Amino acid sequence: MCKDKITGAPESTPQIFAVPCANNINENCFSALYQFCSSERRQKVKSFQFREDACRSLTGEALIRYAIFANTQIMENGSSFITNSYGKPSLPNSSLQFNISHSGKWVVCAIDRFDIGIDIEKNRNVSQDLSSNFSPEEKELLSECTCEKHFTEVFFRIWTLKESYIKSIGEGFSCPFDSFACIPGKECTVELKRYNQDLPTRHLKTLSVEQGYSSAVCTTEKFKQIAVTIISVSDLIGKLGIGIYL
């Protein structure tokens, strides 16, 4: 993981929990997660057409609750989460902030004492039209791509950075994509440019989760490093003691 050079700025210690193969869990694990999750989550799961979406959704709530437990030793009920007007969830009467994302086989959760956002995307061929609402500087970076593979990598690097920023500030897509720019630098450094000065400043990093995936995290305060914990679905179930709910 990348490290910042901190010079007198407040330090944050964000944590990231990541679950692989969350899109294809066996029936026993699926049943355990289903029974453990909130009634609201169960209703949502029933609406999914594809099983992999249901798997990621169940894993997502369990991972949030595990991340909270790892920091507080309190097992929150998923029904206790509240959401703002843009749908970002949080805990009432708590300074802990969390965010979740999933794509392909991965579900990831970021948690911190300050506002935080995370995004992960499986790299795939996309239409160049999807970058039409990027900033001019981001479009210029994409125009310099030498092939489709290069374009895909740069596109999703920028996309996940922008998504993580929007999720961190908690305004959803009401924040125009072209009102700020995320310019990837060397290694995993990122320059944030705010064309609308009412937008808050944030600190961004790209993450390396797995080849073929792009991921980014956005924090309120600077940080020296990010603690990343990779946990399997079965270990997640074990650590949560989900078996007692069956």
Foldseek 3Di string as FASTA:
>chain_A
DAFDDDDPFDAWAKAKEKAFQLQDDDPVLLVLLLLQADPVLVVVLVPDPDSSVSSLSSVQLLVVQVVVCVVPVDRDHPVQWDADPLGQTDHPPAQKHKEWEDEDGMIMMMIISAQKFKYKYQQDQDDPVVCVQAAPVLVVVLVPQDDRVSNSVSVQQFVGQLRGLCRRVRPPPVDGNHQKGWAADPDFATDIGGNPVVRDDWGKTWDCDDPRMTMMMIGRTHHGDYHYHYDYSVVSCVVVVSVVSD
